[in-house]
Amino acid sequence: MADKLGHRSHTTVQGWWDRDVIPAQRQREVLDEAKRRKIKVSAEDLIATPPAAVSQVAA
């Protein structure tokens, strides 16, 4: 994905994976690239859900 987004280093995207978050300023480029490659991703998929909200939904 880093290559597809034009990043020189894969560690940029690896950091997003490790932190389980894509920085807000990068989300548009991720959505645009996914659309270009016909990968089904929505803006909601990129929004982190706080752990408390997850446990409330599960309850």
PDB file of N, CA and C in Angstrom:
ATOM      1  N   MET A   1       0.829  -1.195   0.000  1.00  0.00           N
ATOM      2  CA  MET A   1       0.000   0.000   0.000  1.00  0.00           C
ATOM      3  C   MET A   1       0.868   1.251   0.000  1.00  0.00           C
ATOM      4  N   ALA A   2       1.967   1.216   0.736  1.00  0.00           N
ATOM      5  CA  ALA A   2       2.848   2.379   0.779  1.00  0.00           C
ATOM      6  C   ALA A   2       3.284   2.756  -0.627  1.00  0.00           C
ATOM      7  N   ASP A   3       3.645   1.759  -1.411  1.00  0.00           N
ATOM      8  CA  ASP A   3       4.064   1.992  -2.791  1.00  0.00           C
ATOM      9  C   ASP A   3       2.937   2.612  -3.607  1.00  0.00           C
ATOM     10  N   LYS A   4       1.741   2.092  -3.441  1.00  0.00           N
ATOM     11  CA  LYS A   4       0.584   2.586  -4.184  1.00  0.00           C
ATOM     12  C   LYS A   4       0.253   4.031  -3.833  1.00  0.00           C
ATOM     13  N   LEU A   5       0.560   4.411  -2.580  1.00  0.00           N
ATOM     14  CA  LEU A   5       0.290   5.778  -2.139  1.00  0.00           C
ATOM     15  C   LEU A   5       1.455   6.722  -2.419  1.00  0.00           C
ATOM     16  N   GLY A   6       2.542   6.167  -2.957  1.00  0.00           N
ATOM     17  CA  GLY A   6       3.681   7.001  -3.313  1.00  0.00           C
ATOM     18  C   GLY A   6       4.638   7.278  -2.173  1.00  0.00           C
ATOM     19  N   HIS A   7       4.568   6.493  -1.108  1.00  0.00           N
ATOM     20  CA  HIS A   7       5.487   6.671   0.007  1.00  0.00           C
ATOM     21  C   HIS A   7       6.790   5.948  -0.310  1.00  0.00           C
ATOM     22  N   ARG A   8       7.897   6.554   0.022  1.00  0.00           N
ATOM     23  CA  ARG A   8       9.196   5.933  -0.240  1.00  0.00           C
ATOM     24  C   ARG A   8       9.454   4.748   0.682  1.00  0.00           C
ATOM     25  N   SER A   9       8.939   4.818   1.871  1.00  0.00           N
ATOM     26  CA  SER A   9       9.227   3.798   2.864  1.00  0.00           C
ATOM     27  C   SER A   9       7.945   3.092   3.308  1.00  0.00           C
ATOM     28  N   HIS A  10       8.001   1.778   3.347  1.00  0.00           N
ATOM     29  CA  HIS A  10       6.838   1.012   3.798  1.00  0.00           C
ATOM     30  C   HIS A  10       6.572   1.223   5.283  1.00  0.00           C
ATOM     31  N   THR A  11       7.552   1.747   6.013  1.00  0.00           N
ATOM     32  CA  THR A  11       7.370   1.919   7.455  1.00  0.00           C
ATOM     33  C   THR A  11       6.296   2.936   7.792  1.00  0.00           C
ATOM     34  N   THR A  12       6.011   3.844   6.874  1.00  0.00           N
ATOM     35  CA  THR A  12       4.930   4.814   7.098  1.00  0.00           C
ATOM     36  C   THR A  12       3.609   4.077   7.282  1.00  0.00           C
ATOM     37  N   VAL A  13       3.281   3.245   6.331  1.00  0.00           N
ATOM     38  CA  VAL A  13       2.018   2.509   6.392  1.00  0.00           C
ATOM     39  C   VAL A  13       2.082   1.429   7.472  1.00  0.00           C
ATOM     40  N   GLN A  14       3.238   0.840   7.687  1.00  0.00           N
ATOM     41  CA  GLN A  14       3.398  -0.140   8.765  1.00  0.00           C
ATOM     42  C   GLN A  14       3.077   0.503  10.113  1.00  0.00           C
ATOM     43  N   GLY A  15       3.474   1.752  10.283  1.00  0.00           N
ATOM     44  CA  GLY A  15       3.162   2.478  11.515  1.00  0.00           C
ATOM     45  C   GLY A  15       1.666   2.659  11.698  1.00  0.00           C
ATOM     46  N   TRP A  16       0.958   2.916  10.607  1.00  0.00           N
ATOM     47  CA  TRP A  16      -0.498   3.035  10.692  1.00  0.00           C
ATOM     48  C   TRP A  16      -1.085   1.709  11.165  1.00  0.00           C
ATOM     49  N   TRP A  17      -0.588   0.616  10.606  1.00  0.00           N
ATOM     50  CA  TRP A  17      -1.070  -0.719  10.974  1.00  0.00           C
ATOM     51  C   TRP A  17      -0.786  -0.990  12.452  1.00  0.00           C
ATOM     52  N   ASP A  18       0.446  -0.703  12.866  1.00  0.00           N
ATOM     53  CA  ASP A  18       0.841  -0.961  14.252  1.00  0.00           C
ATOM     54  C   ASP A  18       0.012  -0.157  15.245  1.00  0.00           C
ATOM     55  N   ARG A  19      -0.311   1.092  14.881  1.00  0.00           N
ATOM     56  CA  ARG A  19      -1.089   1.963  15.776  1.00  0.00           C
ATOM     57  C   ARG A  19      -2.597   1.810  15.569  1.00  0.00           C
ATOM     58  N   ASP A  20      -2.980   1.041  14.538  1.00  0.00           N
ATOM     59  CA  ASP A  20      -4.387   0.804  14.211  1.00  0.00           C
ATOM     60  C   ASP A  20      -5.128   2.106  13.910  1.00  0.00           C
ATOM     61  N   VAL A  21      -4.422   3.011  13.221  1.00  0.00           N
ATOM     62  CA  VAL A  21      -5.046   4.283  12.839  1.00  0.00           C
ATOM     63  C   VAL A  21      -4.343   4.852  11.608  1.00  0.00           C
ATOM     64  N   ILE A  22      -5.133   5.408  10.716  1.00  0.00           N
ATOM     65  CA  ILE A  22      -4.595   6.143   9.576  1.00  0.00           C
ATOM     66  C   ILE A  22      -4.792   7.617   9.902  1.00  0.00           C
ATOM     67  N   PRO A  23      -3.711   8.405   9.886  1.00  0.00           N
ATOM     68  CA  PRO A  23      -3.840   9.822  10.232  1.00  0.00           C
ATOM     69  C   PRO A  23      -4.902  10.520   9.363  1.00  0.00           C
ATOM     70  N   ALA A  24      -5.636  11.415   9.969  1.00  0.00           N
ATOM     71  CA  ALA A  24      -6.721  12.117   9.275  1.00  0.00           C
ATOM     72  C   ALA A  24      -6.251  12.762   7.977  1.00  0.00           C
ATOM     73  N   GLN A  25      -5.056  13.336   7.979  1.00  0.00           N
ATOM     74  CA  GLN A  25      -4.565  14.030   6.777  1.00  0.00           C
ATOM     75  C   GLN A  25      -4.219  13.054   5.651  1.00  0.00           C
ATOM     76  N   ARG A  26      -4.185  11.750   5.929  1.00  0.00           N
ATOM     77  CA  ARG A  26      -3.876  10.737   4.910  1.00  0.00           C
ATOM     78  C   ARG A  26      -5.105   9.948   4.467  1.00  0.00           C
ATOM     79  N   GLN A  27      -6.205  10.087   5.169  1.00  0.00           N
ATOM     80  CA  GLN A  27      -7.379   9.270   4.883  1.00  0.00           C
ATOM     81  C   GLN A  27      -7.938   9.493   3.492  1.00  0.00           C
ATOM     82  N   ARG A  28      -7.968  10.720   3.026  1.00  0.00           N
ATOM     83  CA  ARG A  28      -8.500  11.008   1.688  1.00  0.00           C
ATOM     84  C   ARG A  28      -7.679  10.289   0.626  1.00  0.00           C
ATOM     85  N   GLU A  29      -6.352  10.320   0.735  1.00  0.00           N
ATOM     86  CA  GLU A  29      -5.533   9.654  -0.280  1.00  0.00           C
ATOM     87  C   GLU A  29      -5.741   8.138  -0.241  1.00  0.00           C
ATOM     88  N   VAL A  30      -5.952   7.579   0.940  1.00  0.00           N
ATOM     89  CA  VAL A  30      -6.223   6.144   1.049  1.00  0.00           C
ATOM     90  C   VAL A  30      -7.557   5.824   0.379  1.00  0.00           C
ATOM     91  N   LEU A  31      -8.576   6.623   0.650  1.00  0.00           N
ATOM     92  CA  LEU A  31      -9.887   6.403   0.032  1.00  0.00           C
ATOM     93  C   LEU A  31      -9.812   6.552  -1.493  1.00  0.00           C
ATOM     94  N   ASP A  32      -9.107   7.561  -1.960  1.00  0.00           N
ATOM     95  CA  ASP A  32      -8.981   7.779  -3.402  1.00  0.00           C
ATOM     96  C   ASP A  32      -8.262   6.614  -4.079  1.00  0.00           C
ATOM     97  N   GLU A  33      -7.190   6.140  -3.462  1.00  0.00           N
ATOM     98  CA  GLU A  33      -6.435   5.021  -4.036  1.00  0.00           C
ATOM     99  C   GLU A  33      -7.255   3.739  -4.016  1.00  0.00           C
ATOM    100  N   ALA A  34      -7.980   3.512  -2.947  1.00  0.00           N
ATOM    101  CA  ALA A  34      -8.846   2.335  -2.877  1.00  0.00           C
ATOM    102  C   ALA A  34      -9.901   2.378  -3.978  1.00  0.00           C
ATOM    103  N   LYS A  35     -10.493   3.536  -4.178  1.00  0.00           N
ATOM    104  CA  LYS A  35     -11.506   3.676  -5.231  1.00  0.00           C
ATOM    105  C   LYS A  35     -10.897   3.433  -6.610  1.00  0.00           C
ATOM    106  N   ARG A  36      -9.728   3.991  -6.825  1.00  0.00           N
ATOM    107  CA  ARG A  36      -9.047   3.827  -8.108  1.00  0.00           C
ATOM    108  C   ARG A  36      -8.766   2.348  -8.385  1.00  0.00           C
ATOM    109  N   ARG A  37      -8.461   1.604  -7.342  1.00  0.00           N
ATOM    110  CA  ARG A  37      -8.137   0.181  -7.480  1.00  0.00           C
ATOM    111  C   ARG A  37      -9.346  -0.725  -7.252  1.00  0.00           C
ATOM    112  N   LYS A  38     -10.524  -0.090  -7.119  1.00  0.00           N
ATOM    113  CA  LYS A  38     -11.786  -0.825  -6.922  1.00  0.00           C
ATOM    114  C   LYS A  38     -11.745  -1.703  -5.674  1.00  0.00           C
ATOM    115  N   ILE A  39     -11.168  -1.144  -4.610  1.00  0.00           N
ATOM    116  CA  ILE A  39     -11.153  -1.801  -3.306  1.00  0.00           C
ATOM    117  C   ILE A  39     -12.245  -1.156  -2.473  1.00  0.00           C
ATOM    118  N   LYS A  40     -13.111  -1.961  -1.924  1.00  0.00           N
ATOM    119  CA  LYS A  40     -14.264  -1.444  -1.188  1.00  0.00           C
ATOM    120  C   LYS A  40     -13.830  -0.976   0.210  1.00  0.00           C
ATOM    121  N   VAL A  41     -13.748   0.335   0.379  1.00  0.00           N
ATOM    122  CA  VAL A  41     -13.392   0.961   1.654  1.00  0.00           C
ATOM    123  C   VAL A  41     -14.250   2.207   1.795  1.00  0.00           C
ATOM    124  N   SER A  42     -14.789   2.426   2.990  1.00  0.00           N
ATOM    125  CA  SER A  42     -15.578   3.631   3.231  1.00  0.00           C
ATOM    126  C   SER A  42     -14.872   4.505   4.260  1.00  0.00           C
ATOM    127  N   ALA A  43     -15.294   5.732   4.358  1.00  0.00           N
ATOM    128  CA  ALA A  43     -14.727   6.647   5.357  1.00  0.00           C
ATOM    129  C   ALA A  43     -14.948   6.086   6.758  1.00  0.00           C
ATOM    130  N   GLU A  44     -16.070   5.431   6.976  1.00  0.00           N
ATOM    131  CA  GLU A  44     -16.357   4.844   8.280  1.00  0.00           C
ATOM    132  C   GLU A  44     -15.339   3.763   8.644  1.00  0.00           C
ATOM    133  N   ASP A  45     -14.821   3.064   7.636  1.00  0.00           N
ATOM    134  CA  ASP A  45     -13.807   2.041   7.881  1.00  0.00           C
ATOM    135  C   ASP A  45     -12.516   2.640   8.435  1.00  0.00           C
ATOM    136  N   LEU A  46     -12.277   3.902   8.156  1.00  0.00           N
ATOM    137  CA  LEU A  46     -11.031   4.543   8.563  1.00  0.00           C
ATOM    138  C   LEU A  46     -11.129   5.261   9.903  1.00  0.00           C
ATOM    139  N   ILE A  47     -12.331   5.358  10.427  1.00  0.00           N
ATOM    140  CA  ILE A  47     -12.522   6.069  11.695  1.00  0.00           C
ATOM    141  C   ILE A  47     -12.341   5.094  12.849  1.00  0.00           C
ATOM    142  N   ALA A  48     -11.434   5.422  13.734  1.00  0.00           N
ATOM    143  CA  ALA A  48     -11.185   4.568  14.895  1.00  0.00           C
ATOM    144  C   ALA A  48     -12.372   4.635  15.843  1.00  0.00           C
ATOM    145  N   THR A  49     -12.758   3.502  16.363  1.00  0.00           N
ATOM    146  CA  THR A  49     -13.831   3.433  17.350  1.00  0.00           C
ATOM    147  C   THR A  49     -13.199   3.311  18.727  1.00  0.00           C
ATOM    148  N   PRO A  50     -13.477   4.264  19.609  1.00  0.00           N
ATOM    149  CA  PRO A  50     -12.901   4.189  20.959  1.00  0.00           C
ATOM    150  C   PRO A  50     -13.309   2.890  21.646  1.00  0.00           C
ATOM    151  N   PRO A  51     -12.404   2.279  22.415  1.00  0.00           N
ATOM    152  CA  PRO A  51     -12.725   1.005  23.084  1.00  0.00           C
ATOM    153  C   PRO A  51     -13.995   1.058  23.911  1.00  0.00           C
ATOM    154  N   ALA A  52     -14.277   2.162  24.588  1.00  0.00           N
ATOM    155  CA  ALA A  52     -15.493   2.271  25.408  1.00  0.00           C
ATOM    156  C   ALA A  52     -16.737   2.159  24.525  1.00  0.00           C
ATOM    157  N   ALA A  53     -16.697   2.744  23.338  1.00  0.00           N
ATOM    158  CA  ALA A  53     -17.846   2.679  22.439  1.00  0.00           C
ATOM    159  C   ALA A  53     -18.060   1.251  21.958  1.00  0.00           C
ATOM    160  N   VAL A  54     -16.992   0.535  21.728  1.00  0.00           N
ATOM    161  CA  VAL A  54     -17.108  -0.846  21.285  1.00  0.00           C
ATOM    162  C   VAL A  54     -17.761  -1.692  22.371  1.00  0.00           C
ATOM    163  N   SER A  55     -17.332  -1.537  23.617  1.00  0.00           N
ATOM    164  CA  SER A  55     -17.907  -2.344  24.695  1.00  0.00           C
ATOM    165  C   SER A  55     -19.367  -1.985  24.949  1.00  0.00           C
ATOM    166  N   GLN A  56     -19.753  -0.733  24.740  1.00  0.00           N
ATOM    167  CA  GLN A  56     -21.148  -0.340  24.919  1.00  0.00           C
ATOM    168  C   GLN A  56     -22.019  -0.973  23.842  1.00  0.00           C
ATOM    169  N   VAL A  57     -21.506  -1.044  22.617  1.00  0.00           N
ATOM    170  CA  VAL A  57     -22.259  -1.644  21.525  1.00  0.00           C
ATOM    171  C   VAL A  57     -22.432  -3.139  21.786  1.00  0.00           C
ATOM    172  N   ALA A  58     -21.391  -3.766  22.293  1.00  0.00           N
ATOM    173  CA  ALA A  58     -21.443  -5.214  22.539  1.00  0.00           C
ATOM    174  C   ALA A  58     -22.359  -5.561  23.709  1.00  0.00           C
ATOM    175  N   ALA A  59     -22.588  -4.621  24.600  1.00  0.00           N
ATOM    176  CA  ALA A  59     -23.384  -4.901  25.813  1.00  0.00           C
ATOM    177  C   ALA A  59     -24.866  -4.960  25.537  1.00  0.00           C
TER     178      ALA A  59
END
